[in-house]
Amino acid sequence: MLTAWRQQTYDTDPIGFLYDIQDIITEDGIGLIAKMSPSQLHRDGPDAITKELKETLEWGSRHAWGMFEQVWWHDHGDSSPVHTYERQ
């Protein structure tokens, strides 16, 4: 799920040619996100992903919400996290 999201994000970024797909999230990073506690994600929202990966706020504002949505939909089905968290 996150691998497909990463590929789509990379493919649709008009400046994607300026960086490597691994700059979005590495395979190890995907593994870390997959192992995160659902309660931590529910409590901290997209910020939990940025913190877990030890990424910058700039990276978080660019990528954490998309990853958070993918994990949320995987865990909660069709419900949207928008009602719980403001997109940053």
PDB file of N, CA and C in Angstrom:
ATOM      1  N   MET A   1       0.820  -1.176   0.000  1.00  0.00           N
ATOM      2  CA  MET A   1       0.000   0.000   0.000  1.00  0.00           C
ATOM      3  C   MET A   1       0.876   1.256   0.000  1.00  0.00           C
ATOM      4  N   LEU A   2       1.843   1.353   0.930  1.00  0.00           N
ATOM      5  CA  LEU A   2       2.710   2.533   0.955  1.00  0.00           C
ATOM      6  C   LEU A   2       3.677   2.564  -0.222  1.00  0.00           C
ATOM      7  N   THR A   3       4.078   1.397  -0.684  1.00  0.00           N
ATOM      8  CA  THR A   3       4.956   1.344  -1.854  1.00  0.00           C
ATOM      9  C   THR A   3       4.231   1.878  -3.081  1.00  0.00           C
ATOM     10  N   ALA A   4       2.976   1.487  -3.256  1.00  0.00           N
ATOM     11  CA  ALA A   4       2.178   1.988  -4.381  1.00  0.00           C
ATOM     12  C   ALA A   4       1.930   3.482  -4.241  1.00  0.00           C
ATOM     13  N   TRP A   5       1.631   3.942  -3.022  1.00  0.00           N
ATOM     14  CA  TRP A   5       1.425   5.369  -2.794  1.00  0.00           C
ATOM     15  C   TRP A   5       2.697   6.147  -3.132  1.00  0.00           C
ATOM     16  N   ARG A   6       3.841   5.629  -2.690  1.00  0.00           N
ATOM     17  CA  ARG A   6       5.115   6.293  -2.978  1.00  0.00           C
ATOM     18  C   ARG A   6       5.345   6.407  -4.479  1.00  0.00           C
ATOM     19  N   GLN A   7       5.092   5.344  -5.200  1.00  0.00           N
ATOM     20  CA  GLN A   7       5.294   5.367  -6.647  1.00  0.00           C
ATOM     21  C   GLN A   7       4.373   6.381  -7.321  1.00  0.00           C
ATOM     22  N   GLN A   8       3.109   6.399  -6.915  1.00  0.00           N
ATOM     23  CA  GLN A   8       2.155   7.346  -7.496  1.00  0.00           C
ATOM     24  C   GLN A   8       2.560   8.791  -7.167  1.00  0.00           C
ATOM     25  N   THR A   9       2.978   9.015  -5.932  1.00  0.00           N
ATOM     26  CA  THR A   9       3.410  10.351  -5.520  1.00  0.00           C
ATOM     27  C   THR A   9       4.600  10.801  -6.356  1.00  0.00           C
ATOM     28  N   TYR A  10       5.535   9.919  -6.540  1.00  0.00           N
ATOM     29  CA  TYR A  10       6.725  10.234  -7.337  1.00  0.00           C
ATOM     30  C   TYR A  10       6.360  10.492  -8.797  1.00  0.00           C
ATOM     31  N   ASP A  11       5.539   9.604  -9.353  1.00  0.00           N
ATOM     32  CA  ASP A  11       5.180   9.714 -10.768  1.00  0.00           C
ATOM     33  C   ASP A  11       4.387  10.973 -11.089  1.00  0.00           C
ATOM     34  N   THR A  12       3.621  11.471 -10.137  1.00  0.00           N
ATOM     35  CA  THR A  12       2.773  12.640 -10.400  1.00  0.00           C
ATOM     36  C   THR A  12       3.400  13.957  -9.941  1.00  0.00           C
ATOM     37  N   ASP A  13       4.571  13.900  -9.349  1.00  0.00           N
ATOM     38  CA  ASP A  13       5.236  15.128  -8.900  1.00  0.00           C
ATOM     39  C   ASP A  13       5.944  15.768 -10.090  1.00  0.00           C
ATOM     40  N   PRO A  14       5.560  17.001 -10.432  1.00  0.00           N
ATOM     41  CA  PRO A  14       6.194  17.640 -11.586  1.00  0.00           C
ATOM     42  C   PRO A  14       7.697  17.869 -11.415  1.00  0.00           C
ATOM     43  N   ILE A  15       8.185  17.831 -10.186  1.00  0.00           N
ATOM     44  CA  ILE A  15       9.630  17.975  -9.983  1.00  0.00           C
ATOM     45  C   ILE A  15      10.268  16.665  -9.522  1.00  0.00           C
ATOM     46  N   GLY A  16       9.572  15.572  -9.738  1.00  0.00           N
ATOM     47  CA  GLY A  16      10.081  14.266  -9.333  1.00  0.00           C
ATOM     48  C   GLY A  16      11.421  13.914  -9.959  1.00  0.00           C
ATOM     49  N   PHE A  17      11.678  14.457 -11.130  1.00  0.00           N
ATOM     50  CA  PHE A  17      12.945  14.159 -11.789  1.00  0.00           C
ATOM     51  C   PHE A  17      14.143  14.751 -11.037  1.00  0.00           C
ATOM     52  N   LEU A  18      13.878  15.629 -10.089  1.00  0.00           N
ATOM     53  CA  LEU A  18      14.960  16.270  -9.341  1.00  0.00           C
ATOM     54  C   LEU A  18      15.442  15.458  -8.135  1.00  0.00           C
ATOM     55  N   TYR A  19      14.725  14.401  -7.797  1.00  0.00           N
ATOM     56  CA  TYR A  19      15.105  13.621  -6.629  1.00  0.00           C
ATOM     57  C   TYR A  19      14.824  12.144  -6.872  1.00  0.00           C
ATOM     58  N   ASP A  20      15.336  11.316  -5.996  1.00  0.00           N
ATOM     59  CA  ASP A  20      15.147   9.873  -6.089  1.00  0.00           C
ATOM     60  C   ASP A  20      13.878   9.472  -5.333  1.00  0.00           C
ATOM     61  N   ILE A  21      13.200   8.457  -5.790  1.00  0.00           N
ATOM     62  CA  ILE A  21      11.976   7.988  -5.144  1.00  0.00           C
ATOM     63  C   ILE A  21      12.211   7.631  -3.674  1.00  0.00           C
ATOM     64  N   GLN A  22      13.409   7.177  -3.344  1.00  0.00           N
ATOM     65  CA  GLN A  22      13.744   6.830  -1.963  1.00  0.00           C
ATOM     66  C   GLN A  22      13.740   8.055  -1.042  1.00  0.00           C
ATOM     67  N   ASP A  23      13.804   9.260  -1.626  1.00  0.00           N
ATOM     68  CA  ASP A  23      13.746  10.477  -0.819  1.00  0.00           C
ATOM     69  C   ASP A  23      12.354  10.693  -0.240  1.00  0.00           C
ATOM     70  N   ILE A  24      11.351  10.098  -0.834  1.00  0.00           N
ATOM     71  CA  ILE A  24      10.001  10.189  -0.278  1.00  0.00           C
ATOM     72  C   ILE A  24       9.945   9.330   0.972  1.00  0.00           C
ATOM     73  N   ILE A  25      10.258   8.075   0.820  1.00  0.00           N
ATOM     74  CA  ILE A  25      10.370   7.154   1.951  1.00  0.00           C
ATOM     75  C   ILE A  25      11.125   5.918   1.467  1.00  0.00           C
ATOM     76  N   THR A  26      12.034   5.451   2.286  1.00  0.00           N
ATOM     77  CA  THR A  26      12.826   4.270   1.946  1.00  0.00           C
ATOM     78  C   THR A  26      12.034   3.001   2.266  1.00  0.00           C
ATOM     79  N   GLU A  27      12.541   1.886   1.811  1.00  0.00           N
ATOM     80  CA  GLU A  27      11.926   0.601   2.151  1.00  0.00           C
ATOM     81  C   GLU A  27      11.947   0.385   3.667  1.00  0.00           C
ATOM     82  N   ASP A  28      13.054   0.761   4.305  1.00  0.00           N
ATOM     83  CA  ASP A  28      13.134   0.649   5.767  1.00  0.00           C
ATOM     84  C   ASP A  28      12.098   1.539   6.438  1.00  0.00           C
ATOM     85  N   GLY A  29      11.897   2.737   5.889  1.00  0.00           N
ATOM     86  CA  GLY A  29      10.892   3.645   6.428  1.00  0.00           C
ATOM     87  C   GLY A  29       9.494   3.079   6.314  1.00  0.00           C
ATOM     88  N   ILE A  30       9.208   2.439   5.190  1.00  0.00           N
ATOM     89  CA  ILE A  30       7.905   1.786   5.014  1.00  0.00           C
ATOM     90  C   ILE A  30       7.715   0.727   6.088  1.00  0.00           C
ATOM     91  N   GLY A  31       8.777  -0.035   6.360  1.00  0.00           N
ATOM     92  CA  GLY A  31       8.709  -1.046   7.418  1.00  0.00           C
ATOM     93  C   GLY A  31       8.438  -0.439   8.781  1.00  0.00           C
ATOM     94  N   LEU A  32       9.068   0.699   9.065  1.00  0.00           N
ATOM     95  CA  LEU A  32       8.835   1.375  10.350  1.00  0.00           C
ATOM     96  C   LEU A  32       7.386   1.836  10.481  1.00  0.00           C
ATOM     97  N   ILE A  33       6.853   2.405   9.422  1.00  0.00           N
ATOM     98  CA  ILE A  33       5.459   2.877   9.454  1.00  0.00           C
ATOM     99  C   ILE A  33       4.512   1.696   9.623  1.00  0.00           C
ATOM    100  N   ALA A  34       4.796   0.610   8.951  1.00  0.00           N
ATOM    101  CA  ALA A  34       3.937  -0.578   9.050  1.00  0.00           C
ATOM    102  C   ALA A  34       3.907  -1.139  10.473  1.00  0.00           C
ATOM    103  N   LYS A  35       4.963  -0.925  11.229  1.00  0.00           N
ATOM    104  CA  LYS A  35       5.044  -1.455  12.589  1.00  0.00           C
ATOM    105  C   LYS A  35       4.537  -0.485  13.653  1.00  0.00           C
ATOM    106  N   MET A  36       4.160   0.725  13.241  1.00  0.00           N
ATOM    107  CA  MET A  36       3.707   1.715  14.221  1.00  0.00           C
ATOM    108  C   MET A  36       2.396   1.289  14.867  1.00  0.00           C
ATOM    109  N   SER A  37       2.249   1.661  16.106  1.00  0.00           N
ATOM    110  CA  SER A  37       1.031   1.377  16.856  1.00  0.00           C
ATOM    111  C   SER A  37      -0.135   2.196  16.308  1.00  0.00           C
ATOM    112  N   PRO A  38      -1.260   1.542  16.008  1.00  0.00           N
ATOM    113  CA  PRO A  38      -2.432   2.297  15.563  1.00  0.00           C
ATOM    114  C   PRO A  38      -2.861   3.355  16.576  1.00  0.00           C
ATOM    115  N   SER A  39      -2.686   3.078  17.861  1.00  0.00           N
ATOM    116  CA  SER A  39      -3.076   4.072  18.863  1.00  0.00           C
ATOM    117  C   SER A  39      -2.173   5.304  18.790  1.00  0.00           C
ATOM    118  N   GLN A  40      -0.891   5.109  18.497  1.00  0.00           N
ATOM    119  CA  GLN A  40       0.022   6.248  18.343  1.00  0.00           C
ATOM    120  C   GLN A  40      -0.384   7.089  17.136  1.00  0.00           C
ATOM    121  N   LEU A  41      -0.701   6.423  16.033  1.00  0.00           N
ATOM    122  CA  LEU A  41      -1.136   7.155  14.842  1.00  0.00           C
ATOM    123  C   LEU A  41      -2.447   7.880  15.099  1.00  0.00           C
ATOM    124  N   HIS A  42      -3.362   7.228  15.783  1.00  0.00           N
ATOM    125  CA  HIS A  42      -4.651   7.849  16.068  1.00  0.00           C
ATOM    126  C   HIS A  42      -4.471   9.066  16.976  1.00  0.00           C
ATOM    127  N   ARG A  43      -3.580   8.947  17.943  1.00  0.00           N
ATOM    128  CA  ARG A  43      -3.349  10.029  18.899  1.00  0.00           C
ATOM    129  C   ARG A  43      -2.612  11.208  18.256  1.00  0.00           C
ATOM    130  N   ASP A  44      -1.558  10.925  17.502  1.00  0.00           N
ATOM    131  CA  ASP A  44      -0.673  11.986  17.011  1.00  0.00           C
ATOM    132  C   ASP A  44      -0.860  12.349  15.547  1.00  0.00           C
ATOM    133  N   GLY A  45      -1.629  11.565  14.817  1.00  0.00           N
ATOM    134  CA  GLY A  45      -1.888  11.879  13.415  1.00  0.00           C
ATOM    135  C   GLY A  45      -0.635  11.841  12.554  1.00  0.00           C
ATOM    136  N   PRO A  46      -0.614  12.629  11.481  1.00  0.00           N
ATOM    137  CA  PRO A  46       0.516  12.619  10.555  1.00  0.00           C
ATOM    138  C   PRO A  46       1.853  12.974  11.204  1.00  0.00           C
ATOM    139  N   ASP A  47       1.810  13.760  12.284  1.00  0.00           N
ATOM    140  CA  ASP A  47       3.059  14.112  12.970  1.00  0.00           C
ATOM    141  C   ASP A  47       3.788  12.886  13.491  1.00  0.00           C
ATOM    142  N   ALA A  48       3.041  11.834  13.836  1.00  0.00           N
ATOM    143  CA  ALA A  48       3.665  10.603  14.328  1.00  0.00           C
ATOM    144  C   ALA A  48       4.570   9.993  13.265  1.00  0.00           C
ATOM    145  N   ILE A  49       4.162  10.095  12.016  1.00  0.00           N
ATOM    146  CA  ILE A  49       4.968   9.541  10.916  1.00  0.00           C
ATOM    147  C   ILE A  49       6.248  10.339  10.753  1.00  0.00           C
ATOM    148  N   THR A  50       6.130  11.660  10.758  1.00  0.00           N
ATOM    149  CA  THR A  50       7.310  12.514  10.632  1.00  0.00           C
ATOM    150  C   THR A  50       8.299  12.237  11.763  1.00  0.00           C
ATOM    151  N   LYS A  51       7.790  12.109  12.974  1.00  0.00           N
ATOM    152  CA  LYS A  51       8.655  11.848  14.126  1.00  0.00           C
ATOM    153  C   LYS A  51       9.286  10.460  14.051  1.00  0.00           C
ATOM    154  N   GLU A  52       8.492   9.457  13.694  1.00  0.00           N
ATOM    155  CA  GLU A  52       8.998   8.078  13.626  1.00  0.00           C
ATOM    156  C   GLU A  52      10.136   7.960  12.619  1.00  0.00           C
ATOM    157  N   LEU A  53      10.015   8.672  11.502  1.00  0.00           N
ATOM    158  CA  LEU A  53      11.038   8.600  10.460  1.00  0.00           C
ATOM    159  C   LEU A  53      12.166   9.603  10.678  1.00  0.00           C
ATOM    160  N   LYS A  54      12.035  10.424  11.736  1.00  0.00           N
ATOM    161  CA  LYS A  54      13.034  11.452  12.041  1.00  0.00           C
ATOM    162  C   LYS A  54      13.263  12.369  10.838  1.00  0.00           C
ATOM    163  N   GLU A  55      12.157  12.774  10.247  1.00  0.00           N
ATOM    164  CA  GLU A  55      12.199  13.655   9.080  1.00  0.00           C
ATOM    165  C   GLU A  55      11.987  15.105   9.497  1.00  0.00           C
ATOM    166  N   THR A  56      12.225  15.999   8.569  1.00  0.00           N
ATOM    167  CA  THR A  56      12.062  17.432   8.812  1.00  0.00           C
ATOM    168  C   THR A  56      10.587  17.821   8.719  1.00  0.00           C
ATOM    169  N   LEU A  57      10.271  18.994   9.247  1.00  0.00           N
ATOM    170  CA  LEU A  57       8.910  19.508   9.130  1.00  0.00           C
ATOM    171  C   LEU A  57       8.532  19.733   7.673  1.00  0.00           C
ATOM    172  N   GLU A  58       9.493  20.156   6.862  1.00  0.00           N
ATOM    173  CA  GLU A  58       9.237  20.351   5.430  1.00  0.00           C
ATOM    174  C   GLU A  58       8.830  19.021   4.783  1.00  0.00           C
ATOM    175  N   TRP A  59       9.581  17.973   5.085  1.00  0.00           N
ATOM    176  CA  TRP A  59       9.238  16.656   4.561  1.00  0.00           C
ATOM    177  C   TRP A  59       7.847  16.255   5.048  1.00  0.00           C
ATOM    178  N   GLY A  60       7.582  16.472   6.344  1.00  0.00           N
ATOM    179  CA  GLY A  60       6.292  16.114   6.914  1.00  0.00           C
ATOM    180  C   GLY A  60       5.138  16.828   6.236  1.00  0.00           C
ATOM    181  N   SER A  61       5.309  18.112   5.958  1.00  0.00           N
ATOM    182  CA  SER A  61       4.222  18.853   5.313  1.00  0.00           C
ATOM    183  C   SER A  61       4.013  18.400   3.873  1.00  0.00           C
ATOM    184  N   ARG A  62       5.028  17.828   3.287  1.00  0.00           N
ATOM    185  CA  ARG A  62       4.926  17.369   1.898  1.00  0.00           C
ATOM    186  C   ARG A  62       4.411  15.927   1.780  1.00  0.00           C
ATOM    187  N   HIS A  63       4.788  15.055   2.733  1.00  0.00           N
ATOM    188  CA  HIS A  63       4.510  13.627   2.553  1.00  0.00           C
ATOM    189  C   HIS A  63       3.736  12.928   3.668  1.00  0.00           C
ATOM    190  N   ALA A  64       3.805  13.428   4.882  1.00  0.00           N
ATOM    191  CA  ALA A  64       3.220  12.686   6.011  1.00  0.00           C
ATOM    192  C   ALA A  64       1.707  12.516   5.896  1.00  0.00           C
ATOM    193  N   TRP A  65       1.000  13.527   5.423  1.00  0.00           N
ATOM    194  CA  TRP A  65      -0.457  13.418   5.329  1.00  0.00           C
ATOM    195  C   TRP A  65      -0.850  12.286   4.375  1.00  0.00           C
ATOM    196  N   GLY A  66      -0.211  12.203   3.217  1.00  0.00           N
ATOM    197  CA  GLY A  66      -0.537  11.152   2.256  1.00  0.00           C
ATOM    198  C   GLY A  66      -0.301   9.765   2.819  1.00  0.00           C
ATOM    199  N   MET A  67       0.801   9.601   3.534  1.00  0.00           N
ATOM    200  CA  MET A  67       1.082   8.310   4.163  1.00  0.00           C
ATOM    201  C   MET A  67       0.071   8.021   5.264  1.00  0.00           C
ATOM    202  N   PHE A  68      -0.223   9.043   6.046  1.00  0.00           N
ATOM    203  CA  PHE A  68      -1.191   8.881   7.129  1.00  0.00           C
ATOM    204  C   PHE A  68      -2.544   8.430   6.573  1.00  0.00           C
ATOM    205  N   GLU A  69      -2.984   9.046   5.483  1.00  0.00           N
ATOM    206  CA  GLU A  69      -4.252   8.643   4.864  1.00  0.00           C
ATOM    207  C   GLU A  69      -4.230   7.180   4.439  1.00  0.00           C
ATOM    208  N   GLN A  70      -3.136   6.751   3.846  1.00  0.00           N
ATOM    209  CA  GLN A  70      -3.030   5.360   3.402  1.00  0.00           C
ATOM    210  C   GLN A  70      -3.143   4.394   4.577  1.00  0.00           C
ATOM    211  N   VAL A  71      -2.430   4.686   5.642  1.00  0.00           N
ATOM    212  CA  VAL A  71      -2.469   3.821   6.825  1.00  0.00           C
ATOM    213  C   VAL A  71      -3.862   3.869   7.462  1.00  0.00           C
ATOM    214  N   TRP A  72      -4.438   5.066   7.555  1.00  0.00           N
ATOM    215  CA  TRP A  72      -5.775   5.220   8.145  1.00  0.00           C
ATOM    216  C   TRP A  72      -6.797   4.389   7.366  1.00  0.00           C
ATOM    217  N   TRP A  73      -6.792   4.522   6.029  1.00  0.00           N
ATOM    218  CA  TRP A  73      -7.752   3.770   5.212  1.00  0.00           C
ATOM    219  C   TRP A  73      -7.524   2.275   5.335  1.00  0.00           C
ATOM    220  N   HIS A  74      -6.278   1.883   5.449  1.00  0.00           N
ATOM    221  CA  HIS A  74      -5.977   0.467   5.627  1.00  0.00           C
ATOM    222  C   HIS A  74      -6.556  -0.040   6.952  1.00  0.00           C
ATOM    223  N   ASP A  75      -6.419   0.760   8.015  1.00  0.00           N
ATOM    224  CA  ASP A  75      -6.873   0.360   9.350  1.00  0.00           C
ATOM    225  C   ASP A  75      -8.356   0.570   9.593  1.00  0.00           C
ATOM    226  N   HIS A  76      -8.944   1.589   8.951  1.00  0.00           N
ATOM    227  CA  HIS A  76     -10.318   1.974   9.265  1.00  0.00           C
ATOM    228  C   HIS A  76     -11.290   1.874   8.090  1.00  0.00           C
ATOM    229  N   GLY A  77     -10.867   1.316   6.993  1.00  0.00           N
ATOM    230  CA  GLY A  77     -11.770   1.208   5.853  1.00  0.00           C
ATOM    231  C   GLY A  77     -11.996   2.557   5.191  1.00  0.00           C
ATOM    232  N   ASP A  78     -13.238   2.834   4.848  1.00  0.00           N
ATOM    233  CA  ASP A  78     -13.555   4.027   4.077  1.00  0.00           C
ATOM    234  C   ASP A  78     -13.672   5.306   4.901  1.00  0.00           C
ATOM    235  N   SER A  79     -13.606   5.209   6.211  1.00  0.00           N
ATOM    236  CA  SER A  79     -13.753   6.426   7.004  1.00  0.00           C
ATOM    237  C   SER A  79     -12.578   7.362   6.733  1.00  0.00           C
ATOM    238  N   SER A  80     -12.839   8.641   6.838  1.00  0.00           N
ATOM    239  CA  SER A  80     -11.829   9.640   6.524  1.00  0.00           C
ATOM    240  C   SER A  80     -11.219  10.220   7.798  1.00  0.00           C
ATOM    241  N   PRO A  81      -9.908  10.437   7.808  1.00  0.00           N
ATOM    242  CA  PRO A  81      -9.280  11.057   8.972  1.00  0.00           C
ATOM    243  C   PRO A  81      -9.487  12.568   9.018  1.00  0.00           C
ATOM    244  N   VAL A  82     -10.089  13.134   7.979  1.00  0.00           N
ATOM    245  CA  VAL A  82     -10.235  14.577   7.891  1.00  0.00           C
ATOM    246  C   VAL A  82     -11.012  15.131   9.077  1.00  0.00           C
ATOM    247  N   HIS A  83     -11.984  14.388   9.573  1.00  0.00           N
ATOM    248  CA  HIS A  83     -12.786  14.871  10.685  1.00  0.00           C
ATOM    249  C   HIS A  83     -11.978  14.928  11.987  1.00  0.00           C
ATOM    250  N   THR A  84     -10.923  14.167  12.069  1.00  0.00           N
ATOM    251  CA  THR A  84     -10.129  14.088  13.286  1.00  0.00           C
ATOM    252  C   THR A  84      -8.907  15.003  13.237  1.00  0.00           C
ATOM    253  N   TYR A  85      -8.300  15.142  12.061  1.00  0.00           N
ATOM    254  CA  TYR A  85      -7.043  15.883  11.938  1.00  0.00           C
ATOM    255  C   TYR A  85      -7.168  16.925  10.841  1.00  0.00           C
ATOM    256  N   GLU A  86      -6.594  18.079  11.088  1.00  0.00           N
ATOM    257  CA  GLU A  86      -6.522  19.106  10.075  1.00  0.00           C
ATOM    258  C   GLU A  86      -5.339  18.792   9.183  1.00  0.00           C
ATOM    259  N   ARG A  87      -5.547  18.879   7.890  1.00  0.00           N
ATOM    260  CA  ARG A  87      -4.415  18.675   6.981  1.00  0.00           C
ATOM    261  C   ARG A  87      -3.477  19.863   7.122  1.00  0.00           C
ATOM    262  N   GLN A  88      -2.211  19.560   7.304  1.00  0.00           N
ATOM    263  CA  GLN A  88      -1.225  20.631   7.528  1.00  0.00           C
ATOM    264  C   GLN A  88      -0.636  21.080   6.238  1.00  0.00           C
TER     265      GLN A  88
END
